[in-house]
Amino acid sequence: EVPLSAGEMVAALYGEHERLTPADLPTDQDVWRYVAIVVAQDGMHAVEQLADAIGEQERRGSLAAPEWLAWCRRRVSELAAGGVPTSASQVR
């Protein structure tokens, strides 16, 4: 199990903006699965670094896919609204 913040979950999804579309993530299980895959493949440190980089890119206005970032944030927010605690969620 790996604890993830909402920002880290968003970063994991955002980092896949060239491969994923909203159609790939219709269910909460799909979101969890893709986040878990990214953490397993790239490592938690890489996800944390990407979350930091996203914040910096936002400040500079240099995001590669701002619409995808907004969508990822909404999707992770939906998980939280469904009772999933994304402030310290556990990915297996």
C-alpha atoms as a PDB file:
ATOM      1  CA  GLU A   1       0.000   0.000   0.000  1.00  0.00           C
ATOM      2  CA  VAL A   2       1.181   3.501  -0.853  1.00  0.00           C
ATOM      3  CA  PRO A   3      -0.375   6.646   0.643  1.00  0.00           C
ATOM      4  CA  LEU A   4      -1.236   9.231  -2.008  1.00  0.00           C
ATOM      5  CA  SER A   5      -2.510  12.777  -1.778  1.00  0.00           C
ATOM      6  CA  ALA A   6      -5.141  14.046  -4.186  1.00  0.00           C
ATOM      7  CA  GLY A   7      -2.404  16.085  -5.883  1.00  0.00           C
ATOM      8  CA  GLU A   8      -0.287  12.991  -6.383  1.00  0.00           C
ATOM      9  CA  MET A   9      -3.226  11.080  -7.816  1.00  0.00           C
ATOM     10  CA  VAL A  10      -3.854  13.954 -10.221  1.00  0.00           C
ATOM     11  CA  ALA A  11      -0.168  14.018 -11.155  1.00  0.00           C
ATOM     12  CA  ALA A  12      -0.167  10.285 -11.878  1.00  0.00           C
ATOM     13  CA  LEU A  13      -3.107  10.692 -14.251  1.00  0.00           C
ATOM     14  CA  TYR A  14      -1.844  13.950 -15.751  1.00  0.00           C
ATOM     15  CA  GLY A  15       1.509  12.364 -16.548  1.00  0.00           C
ATOM     16  CA  GLU A  16      -0.328  10.008 -18.880  1.00  0.00           C
ATOM     17  CA  HIS A  17      -1.953  12.817 -20.912  1.00  0.00           C
ATOM     18  CA  GLU A  18      -0.455  11.520 -24.153  1.00  0.00           C
ATOM     19  CA  ARG A  19      -1.896   8.024 -23.633  1.00  0.00           C
ATOM     20  CA  LEU A  20      -5.134   8.388 -21.656  1.00  0.00           C
ATOM     21  CA  THR A  21      -8.485   9.954 -22.456  1.00  0.00           C
ATOM     22  CA  PRO A  22     -11.568  10.391 -20.275  1.00  0.00           C
ATOM     23  CA  ALA A  23     -13.000   7.330 -22.008  1.00  0.00           C
ATOM     24  CA  ASP A  24     -10.224   5.243 -20.409  1.00  0.00           C
ATOM     25  CA  LEU A  25     -11.373   6.218 -16.903  1.00  0.00           C
ATOM     26  CA  PRO A  26     -15.158   5.798 -16.748  1.00  0.00           C
ATOM     27  CA  THR A  27     -15.268   4.111 -13.329  1.00  0.00           C
ATOM     28  CA  ASP A  28     -13.571   4.779 -10.018  1.00  0.00           C
ATOM     29  CA  GLN A  29     -11.870   1.389 -10.330  1.00  0.00           C
ATOM     30  CA  ASP A  30     -10.371   2.469 -13.653  1.00  0.00           C
ATOM     31  CA  VAL A  31      -8.956   5.614 -12.055  1.00  0.00           C
ATOM     32  CA  TRP A  32      -7.451   3.626  -9.180  1.00  0.00           C
ATOM     33  CA  ARG A  33      -6.030   1.060 -11.588  1.00  0.00           C
ATOM     34  CA  TYR A  34      -4.259   3.656 -13.746  1.00  0.00           C
ATOM     35  CA  VAL A  35      -2.916   5.500 -10.715  1.00  0.00           C
ATOM     36  CA  ALA A  36      -1.599   2.209  -9.305  1.00  0.00           C
ATOM     37  CA  ILE A  37       0.011   1.326 -12.637  1.00  0.00           C
ATOM     38  CA  VAL A  38       1.802   4.675 -12.817  1.00  0.00           C
ATOM     39  CA  VAL A  39       3.050   4.375  -9.233  1.00  0.00           C
ATOM     40  CA  ALA A  40       4.227   0.810  -9.862  1.00  0.00           C
ATOM     41  CA  GLN A  41       5.949   1.664 -13.150  1.00  0.00           C
ATOM     42  CA  ASP A  42       7.393   5.084 -12.385  1.00  0.00           C
ATOM     43  CA  GLY A  43       7.715   4.979  -8.613  1.00  0.00           C
ATOM     44  CA  MET A  44       6.321   7.208  -5.914  1.00  0.00           C
ATOM     45  CA  HIS A  45       9.259   9.596  -6.084  1.00  0.00           C
ATOM     46  CA  ALA A  46       8.583  10.295  -9.771  1.00  0.00           C
ATOM     47  CA  VAL A  47       4.898  10.961  -9.036  1.00  0.00           C
ATOM     48  CA  GLU A  48       5.850  13.361  -6.227  1.00  0.00           C
ATOM     49  CA  GLN A  49       8.285  15.159  -8.533  1.00  0.00           C
ATOM     50  CA  LEU A  50       5.636  15.432 -11.246  1.00  0.00           C
ATOM     51  CA  ALA A  51       3.152  16.894  -8.750  1.00  0.00           C
ATOM     52  CA  ASP A  52       5.746  19.564  -7.877  1.00  0.00           C
ATOM     53  CA  ALA A  53       6.513  20.186 -11.561  1.00  0.00           C
ATOM     54  CA  ILE A  54       2.814  20.626 -12.360  1.00  0.00           C
ATOM     55  CA  GLY A  55       2.579  23.362  -9.737  1.00  0.00           C
ATOM     56  CA  GLU A  56       5.606  25.118 -11.186  1.00  0.00           C
ATOM     57  CA  GLN A  57       4.326  24.782 -14.753  1.00  0.00           C
ATOM     58  CA  GLU A  58       0.988  26.230 -13.688  1.00  0.00           C
ATOM     59  CA  ARG A  59       2.702  29.248 -12.139  1.00  0.00           C
ATOM     60  CA  ARG A  60       4.639  29.802 -15.364  1.00  0.00           C
ATOM     61  CA  GLY A  61       1.670  29.065 -17.620  1.00  0.00           C
ATOM     62  CA  SER A  62       3.590  26.318 -19.397  1.00  0.00           C
ATOM     63  CA  LEU A  63       1.397  23.234 -18.875  1.00  0.00           C
ATOM     64  CA  ALA A  64       1.424  20.854 -21.821  1.00  0.00           C
ATOM     65  CA  ALA A  65      -2.227  19.858 -21.341  1.00  0.00           C
ATOM     66  CA  PRO A  66      -4.144  22.264 -19.067  1.00  0.00           C
ATOM     67  CA  GLU A  67      -7.546  20.888 -20.066  1.00  0.00           C
ATOM     68  CA  TRP A  68      -6.438  17.369 -19.178  1.00  0.00           C
ATOM     69  CA  LEU A  69      -5.149  18.606 -15.803  1.00  0.00           C
ATOM     70  CA  ALA A  70      -8.522  20.205 -15.078  1.00  0.00           C
ATOM     71  CA  TRP A  71     -10.275  16.975 -16.057  1.00  0.00           C
ATOM     72  CA  CYS A  72      -7.954  14.896 -13.826  1.00  0.00           C
ATOM     73  CA  ARG A  73      -8.652  17.200 -10.893  1.00  0.00           C
ATOM     74  CA  ARG A  74     -12.397  16.902 -11.405  1.00  0.00           C
ATOM     75  CA  ARG A  75     -12.161  13.101 -11.644  1.00  0.00           C
ATOM     76  CA  VAL A  76     -10.089  12.800  -8.454  1.00  0.00           C
ATOM     77  CA  SER A  77     -12.502  15.204  -6.751  1.00  0.00           C
ATOM     78  CA  GLU A  78     -15.356  12.906  -7.769  1.00  0.00           C
ATOM     79  CA  LEU A  79     -13.566  10.041  -6.029  1.00  0.00           C
ATOM     80  CA  ALA A  80     -13.346  12.126  -2.869  1.00  0.00           C
ATOM     81  CA  ALA A  81     -17.032  13.078  -3.129  1.00  0.00           C
ATOM     82  CA  GLY A  82     -17.851   9.384  -3.344  1.00  0.00           C
ATOM     83  CA  GLY A  83     -16.349   8.815   0.077  1.00  0.00           C
ATOM     84  CA  VAL A  84     -12.824   7.903  -0.973  1.00  0.00           C
ATOM     85  CA  PRO A  85     -10.329   9.781   1.257  1.00  0.00           C
ATOM     86  CA  THR A  86      -7.869  11.089  -1.319  1.00  0.00           C
ATOM     87  CA  SER A  87      -5.809  13.105   1.179  1.00  0.00           C
ATOM     88  CA  ALA A  88      -4.076   9.893   2.196  1.00  0.00           C
ATOM     89  CA  SER A  89      -5.528   7.250  -0.065  1.00  0.00           C
ATOM     90  CA  GLN A  90      -3.999   3.815  -0.238  1.00  0.00           C
ATOM     91  CA  VAL A  91      -3.071   2.301  -3.587  1.00  0.00           C
ATOM     92  CA  ARG A  92      -2.236  -1.380  -3.661  1.00  0.00           C
END
